[in-house]
Amino acid sequence: MLRPRITDEQTIQIFGKELYEDASLEPLFKELLGISGIKPFECVGTNEEMILAMRKFYQASSKQLIASSHIIKLFEHGVLNKMSKSDFIALEKKLMKIYTDDNIPSEIKEKITRS
């Protein structure tokens, strides 16, 4: 999820390589994207958040990087080609929403207040 926000050079500095070019990571990315299996780590965000982050990276990337990236090809075939532009707009709207002071549903707030 960090990848859309950092440069290629920063990626290499942090991870030692471009992770999207590492074909051995395909099973992990399939899980992260919700293509197969179960999301492997609690700390990496939801499948939807991962999809949105990868789409942002995809949109900002050069065609050369996309062509050479095994994981980006996986994203194209496993996710991107199955979602419409409006699907991505709805996903971004859902995930990038700015919330008010809290996210506590009103019915739960009422129970807390009465207790």
N, C-alpha and C. Protein backbone atom coordinates (compact mmCIF):
# COMPACT_ATOMS: atom_id res chain seq x y z
N MET A 1 0.82 -1.19 0.00
CA MET A 1 0.00 0.00 0.00
C MET A 1 0.86 1.25 0.00
N LEU A 2 2.09 1.11 0.37
CA LEU A 2 3.02 2.23 0.37
C LEU A 2 3.49 2.59 -1.03
N ARG A 3 3.51 1.62 -1.91
CA ARG A 3 4.14 1.77 -3.23
C ARG A 3 3.65 2.96 -4.06
N PRO A 4 2.36 3.31 -4.09
CA PRO A 4 1.96 4.45 -4.91
C PRO A 4 2.51 5.78 -4.39
N ARG A 5 2.98 5.80 -3.17
CA ARG A 5 3.40 7.05 -2.54
C ARG A 5 4.91 7.24 -2.48
N ILE A 6 5.66 6.24 -2.94
CA ILE A 6 7.12 6.36 -2.90
C ILE A 6 7.70 6.15 -4.30
N THR A 7 8.92 6.61 -4.48
CA THR A 7 9.57 6.50 -5.78
C THR A 7 10.16 5.11 -5.98
N ASP A 8 10.57 4.84 -7.21
CA ASP A 8 11.25 3.58 -7.51
C ASP A 8 12.51 3.45 -6.66
N GLU A 9 13.25 4.53 -6.54
CA GLU A 9 14.50 4.53 -5.76
C GLU A 9 14.23 4.24 -4.29
N GLN A 10 13.19 4.84 -3.74
CA GLN A 10 12.84 4.59 -2.34
C GLN A 10 12.42 3.13 -2.14
N THR A 11 11.72 2.58 -3.11
CA THR A 11 11.31 1.18 -3.03
C THR A 11 12.54 0.28 -2.92
N ILE A 12 13.51 0.50 -3.78
CA ILE A 12 14.74 -0.30 -3.76
C ILE A 12 15.48 -0.10 -2.44
N GLN A 13 15.52 1.14 -1.97
CA GLN A 13 16.21 1.43 -0.71
C GLN A 13 15.55 0.71 0.46
N ILE A 14 14.23 0.71 0.50
CA ILE A 14 13.50 0.10 1.62
C ILE A 14 13.48 -1.43 1.53
N PHE A 15 13.15 -1.96 0.34
CA PHE A 15 12.92 -3.39 0.19
C PHE A 15 14.06 -4.15 -0.49
N GLY A 16 14.99 -3.42 -1.08
CA GLY A 16 16.12 -4.06 -1.75
C GLY A 16 15.82 -4.50 -3.17
N LYS A 17 14.57 -4.32 -3.61
CA LYS A 17 14.17 -4.69 -4.96
C LYS A 17 12.79 -4.13 -5.25
N GLU A 18 12.39 -4.20 -6.50
CA GLU A 18 11.02 -3.83 -6.88
C GLU A 18 10.14 -5.05 -6.64
N LEU A 19 9.33 -5.00 -5.60
CA LEU A 19 8.53 -6.16 -5.21
C LEU A 19 7.56 -6.60 -6.30
N TYR A 20 7.06 -5.66 -7.08
CA TYR A 20 6.10 -6.00 -8.13
C TYR A 20 6.73 -6.80 -9.27
N GLU A 21 8.05 -6.87 -9.33
CA GLU A 21 8.73 -7.65 -10.37
C GLU A 21 9.10 -9.05 -9.88
N ASP A 22 8.82 -9.36 -8.63
CA ASP A 22 9.21 -10.64 -8.04
C ASP A 22 8.07 -11.66 -8.20
N ALA A 23 8.20 -12.55 -9.16
CA ALA A 23 7.17 -13.55 -9.45
C ALA A 23 6.93 -14.49 -8.27
N SER A 24 7.91 -14.68 -7.41
CA SER A 24 7.74 -15.58 -6.27
C SER A 24 6.73 -15.03 -5.26
N LEU A 25 6.41 -13.74 -5.37
CA LEU A 25 5.44 -13.13 -4.45
C LEU A 25 4.00 -13.25 -4.94
N GLU A 26 3.80 -13.90 -6.07
CA GLU A 26 2.45 -14.01 -6.64
C GLU A 26 1.43 -14.59 -5.65
N PRO A 27 1.72 -15.72 -4.97
CA PRO A 27 0.72 -16.25 -4.03
C PRO A 27 0.34 -15.24 -2.93
N LEU A 28 1.31 -14.51 -2.44
CA LEU A 28 1.06 -13.51 -1.41
C LEU A 28 0.18 -12.38 -1.95
N PHE A 29 0.49 -11.88 -3.15
CA PHE A 29 -0.31 -10.80 -3.72
C PHE A 29 -1.72 -11.27 -4.08
N LYS A 30 -1.87 -12.53 -4.46
CA LYS A 30 -3.22 -13.06 -4.72
C LYS A 30 -4.06 -12.99 -3.45
N GLU A 31 -3.44 -13.30 -2.31
CA GLU A 31 -4.14 -13.22 -1.04
C GLU A 31 -4.42 -11.77 -0.66
N LEU A 32 -3.43 -10.89 -0.83
CA LEU A 32 -3.60 -9.48 -0.49
C LEU A 32 -4.70 -8.81 -1.32
N LEU A 33 -4.83 -9.23 -2.57
CA LEU A 33 -5.82 -8.65 -3.48
C LEU A 33 -7.18 -9.36 -3.40
N GLY A 34 -7.26 -10.44 -2.65
CA GLY A 34 -8.52 -11.17 -2.53
C GLY A 34 -8.81 -12.06 -3.72
N ILE A 35 -7.81 -12.37 -4.53
CA ILE A 35 -7.99 -13.25 -5.68
C ILE A 35 -8.12 -14.69 -5.21
N SER A 36 -7.32 -15.06 -4.22
CA SER A 36 -7.39 -16.41 -3.67
C SER A 36 -6.92 -16.40 -2.22
N GLY A 37 -7.29 -17.43 -1.52
CA GLY A 37 -6.82 -17.58 -0.15
C GLY A 37 -7.39 -16.54 0.80
N ILE A 38 -6.69 -16.38 1.90
CA ILE A 38 -7.08 -15.45 2.96
C ILE A 38 -5.97 -14.43 3.13
N LYS A 39 -6.35 -13.17 3.33
CA LYS A 39 -5.36 -12.11 3.53
C LYS A 39 -4.40 -12.54 4.63
N PRO A 40 -3.10 -12.56 4.34
CA PRO A 40 -2.14 -13.17 5.24
C PRO A 40 -1.75 -12.35 6.47
N PHE A 41 -1.90 -11.04 6.43
CA PHE A 41 -1.44 -10.21 7.53
C PHE A 41 -2.52 -9.23 7.95
N GLU A 42 -2.66 -9.01 9.22
CA GLU A 42 -3.65 -8.05 9.71
C GLU A 42 -3.19 -6.61 9.44
N CYS A 43 -1.90 -6.40 9.44
CA CYS A 43 -1.35 -5.04 9.41
C CYS A 43 -1.28 -4.40 8.02
N VAL A 44 -1.68 -5.08 6.98
CA VAL A 44 -1.51 -4.53 5.62
C VAL A 44 -2.77 -3.91 5.04
N GLY A 45 -3.83 -3.87 5.76
CA GLY A 45 -5.06 -3.29 5.24
C GLY A 45 -5.94 -4.36 4.62
N THR A 46 -7.10 -3.92 4.17
CA THR A 46 -8.08 -4.85 3.58
C THR A 46 -7.76 -5.13 2.12
N ASN A 47 -8.42 -6.14 1.56
CA ASN A 47 -8.27 -6.43 0.13
C ASN A 47 -8.66 -5.20 -0.69
N GLU A 48 -9.75 -4.54 -0.30
CA GLU A 48 -10.19 -3.35 -1.04
C GLU A 48 -9.14 -2.24 -1.00
N GLU A 49 -8.53 -2.03 0.15
CA GLU A 49 -7.49 -1.01 0.27
C GLU A 49 -6.29 -1.34 -0.60
N MET A 50 -5.95 -2.62 -0.65
CA MET A 50 -4.83 -3.06 -1.49
C MET A 50 -5.16 -2.85 -2.97
N ILE A 51 -6.37 -3.17 -3.37
CA ILE A 51 -6.79 -2.98 -4.76
C ILE A 51 -6.72 -1.51 -5.14
N LEU A 52 -7.21 -0.64 -4.28
CA LEU A 52 -7.18 0.79 -4.58
C LEU A 52 -5.74 1.30 -4.66
N ALA A 53 -4.89 0.87 -3.75
CA ALA A 53 -3.49 1.29 -3.77
C ALA A 53 -2.80 0.81 -5.05
N MET A 54 -3.04 -0.42 -5.44
CA MET A 54 -2.40 -0.93 -6.66
C MET A 54 -2.93 -0.22 -7.89
N ARG A 55 -4.20 0.13 -7.90
CA ARG A 55 -4.74 0.87 -9.04
C ARG A 55 -4.10 2.24 -9.13
N LYS A 56 -3.90 2.91 -8.00
CA LYS A 56 -3.25 4.21 -8.01
C LYS A 56 -1.82 4.09 -8.53
N PHE A 57 -1.12 3.05 -8.13
CA PHE A 57 0.23 2.83 -8.64
C PHE A 57 0.18 2.55 -10.14
N TYR A 58 -0.74 1.72 -10.55
CA TYR A 58 -0.89 1.35 -11.96
C TYR A 58 -1.13 2.59 -12.82
N GLN A 59 -2.01 3.46 -12.37
CA GLN A 59 -2.34 4.66 -13.13
C GLN A 59 -1.14 5.61 -13.26
N ALA A 60 -0.28 5.63 -12.26
CA ALA A 60 0.86 6.54 -12.26
C ALA A 60 2.12 5.94 -12.87
N SER A 61 2.10 4.65 -13.18
CA SER A 61 3.29 3.96 -13.65
C SER A 61 3.51 4.08 -15.15
N SER A 62 4.75 3.92 -15.52
CA SER A 62 5.09 3.92 -16.94
C SER A 62 4.69 2.58 -17.56
N LYS A 63 4.42 2.60 -18.85
CA LYS A 63 4.07 1.36 -19.55
C LYS A 63 5.22 0.36 -19.49
N GLN A 64 6.44 0.86 -19.44
CA GLN A 64 7.61 -0.01 -19.37
C GLN A 64 7.62 -0.80 -18.06
N LEU A 65 7.36 -0.12 -16.95
CA LEU A 65 7.33 -0.81 -15.66
C LEU A 65 6.17 -1.80 -15.62
N ILE A 66 5.02 -1.40 -16.11
CA ILE A 66 3.86 -2.29 -16.12
C ILE A 66 4.15 -3.55 -16.95
N ALA A 67 4.79 -3.37 -18.09
CA ALA A 67 5.10 -4.50 -18.98
C ALA A 67 6.08 -5.48 -18.34
N SER A 68 6.98 -4.97 -17.48
CA SER A 68 8.00 -5.84 -16.89
C SER A 68 7.60 -6.38 -15.52
N SER A 69 6.48 -5.96 -15.00
CA SER A 69 6.11 -6.30 -13.64
C SER A 69 5.16 -7.48 -13.58
N HIS A 70 5.63 -8.57 -13.04
CA HIS A 70 4.82 -9.78 -12.92
C HIS A 70 3.57 -9.53 -12.06
N ILE A 71 3.73 -8.85 -10.95
CA ILE A 71 2.62 -8.63 -10.03
C ILE A 71 1.59 -7.67 -10.63
N ILE A 72 2.05 -6.68 -11.37
CA ILE A 72 1.12 -5.76 -12.01
C ILE A 72 0.32 -6.49 -13.09
N LYS A 73 0.95 -7.41 -13.81
CA LYS A 73 0.21 -8.22 -14.78
C LYS A 73 -0.85 -9.07 -14.07
N LEU A 74 -0.50 -9.61 -12.92
CA LEU A 74 -1.46 -10.35 -12.10
C LEU A 74 -2.63 -9.44 -11.72
N PHE A 75 -2.33 -8.22 -11.31
CA PHE A 75 -3.36 -7.25 -10.96
C PHE A 75 -4.25 -6.94 -12.16
N GLU A 76 -3.65 -6.75 -13.32
CA GLU A 76 -4.44 -6.47 -14.53
C GLU A 76 -5.44 -7.58 -14.81
N HIS A 77 -4.95 -8.83 -14.80
CA HIS A 77 -5.80 -9.97 -15.17
C HIS A 77 -6.73 -10.42 -14.05
N GLY A 78 -6.27 -10.31 -12.80
CA GLY A 78 -7.07 -10.81 -11.69
C GLY A 78 -8.04 -9.82 -11.10
N VAL A 79 -7.79 -8.52 -11.30
CA VAL A 79 -8.63 -7.50 -10.68
C VAL A 79 -9.07 -6.43 -11.68
N LEU A 80 -8.12 -5.77 -12.28
CA LEU A 80 -8.40 -4.60 -13.12
C LEU A 80 -9.38 -4.90 -14.24
N ASN A 81 -9.19 -6.02 -14.92
CA ASN A 81 -10.07 -6.38 -16.04
C ASN A 81 -11.47 -6.82 -15.60
N LYS A 82 -11.65 -7.03 -14.30
CA LYS A 82 -12.94 -7.48 -13.79
C LYS A 82 -13.74 -6.37 -13.13
N MET A 83 -13.14 -5.19 -13.04
CA MET A 83 -13.82 -4.06 -12.40
C MET A 83 -13.99 -2.93 -13.40
N SER A 84 -15.11 -2.25 -13.32
CA SER A 84 -15.36 -1.12 -14.20
C SER A 84 -14.81 0.16 -13.57
N LYS A 85 -14.76 1.20 -14.37
CA LYS A 85 -14.31 2.49 -13.86
C LYS A 85 -15.22 2.94 -12.71
N SER A 86 -16.51 2.72 -12.86
CA SER A 86 -17.44 3.11 -11.79
C SER A 86 -17.22 2.29 -10.52
N ASP A 87 -16.79 1.02 -10.65
CA ASP A 87 -16.45 0.21 -9.48
C ASP A 87 -15.31 0.86 -8.70
N PHE A 88 -14.29 1.32 -9.44
CA PHE A 88 -13.14 1.95 -8.79
C PHE A 88 -13.51 3.29 -8.18
N ILE A 89 -14.38 4.03 -8.84
CA ILE A 89 -14.84 5.31 -8.29
C ILE A 89 -15.58 5.08 -6.98
N ALA A 90 -16.46 4.09 -6.96
CA ALA A 90 -17.21 3.76 -5.74
C ALA A 90 -16.27 3.28 -4.63
N LEU A 91 -15.28 2.49 -5.00
CA LEU A 91 -14.31 1.99 -4.02
C LEU A 91 -13.51 3.15 -3.42
N GLU A 92 -13.06 4.04 -4.27
CA GLU A 92 -12.29 5.18 -3.78
C GLU A 92 -13.16 6.08 -2.89
N LYS A 93 -14.38 6.29 -3.29
CA LYS A 93 -15.29 7.11 -2.48
C LYS A 93 -15.49 6.48 -1.10
N LYS A 94 -15.66 5.17 -1.09
CA LYS A 94 -15.86 4.45 0.18
C LYS A 94 -14.62 4.53 1.07
N LEU A 95 -13.46 4.29 0.48
CA LEU A 95 -12.24 4.18 1.28
C LEU A 95 -11.60 5.53 1.62
N MET A 96 -11.86 6.53 0.82
CA MET A 96 -11.22 7.83 1.04
C MET A 96 -12.16 8.82 1.74
N LYS A 97 -13.27 8.32 2.21
CA LYS A 97 -14.25 9.17 2.89
C LYS A 97 -13.64 9.78 4.15
N ILE A 98 -13.92 11.05 4.35
CA ILE A 98 -13.47 11.71 5.57
C ILE A 98 -14.62 11.62 6.58
N TYR A 99 -14.33 11.01 7.69
CA TYR A 99 -15.35 10.80 8.70
C TYR A 99 -15.39 11.95 9.69
N THR A 100 -16.50 12.05 10.38
CA THR A 100 -16.62 13.05 11.44
C THR A 100 -15.83 12.58 12.65
N ASP A 101 -16.10 13.13 13.80
CA ASP A 101 -15.31 12.85 14.99
C ASP A 101 -15.17 11.37 15.33
N ASP A 102 -16.17 10.59 15.05
CA ASP A 102 -16.09 9.16 15.34
C ASP A 102 -16.92 8.37 14.33
N ASN A 103 -16.74 7.08 14.35
CA ASN A 103 -17.47 6.18 13.47
C ASN A 103 -18.42 5.28 14.24
N ILE A 104 -18.77 5.67 15.42
CA ILE A 104 -19.63 4.84 16.25
C ILE A 104 -21.07 4.97 15.75
N PRO A 105 -21.68 3.85 15.34
CA PRO A 105 -23.07 3.91 14.89
C PRO A 105 -23.97 4.50 15.97
N SER A 106 -24.99 5.24 15.56
CA SER A 106 -25.86 5.94 16.51
C SER A 106 -26.52 4.99 17.51
N GLU A 107 -26.94 3.80 17.06
CA GLU A 107 -27.59 2.87 17.98
C GLU A 107 -26.65 2.40 19.09
N ILE A 108 -25.37 2.30 18.80
CA ILE A 108 -24.39 1.91 19.83
C ILE A 108 -24.10 3.11 20.73
N LYS A 109 -24.01 4.29 20.15
CA LYS A 109 -23.81 5.50 20.96
C LYS A 109 -24.92 5.66 21.98
N GLU A 110 -26.15 5.41 21.55
CA GLU A 110 -27.29 5.53 22.45
C GLU A 110 -27.18 4.55 23.62
N LYS A 111 -26.76 3.33 23.32
CA LYS A 111 -26.59 2.33 24.38
C LYS A 111 -25.50 2.75 25.36
N ILE A 112 -24.43 3.30 24.85
CA ILE A 112 -23.32 3.75 25.69
C ILE A 112 -23.78 4.90 26.57
N THR A 113 -24.51 5.83 25.98
CA THR A 113 -24.99 7.01 26.70
C THR A 113 -25.95 6.62 27.82
N ARG A 114 -26.80 5.62 27.56
CA ARG A 114 -27.79 5.19 28.56
C ARG A 114 -27.16 4.40 29.70
N SER A 115 -25.99 3.81 29.46
CA SER A 115 -25.36 2.94 30.48
C SER A 115 -24.81 3.70 31.65
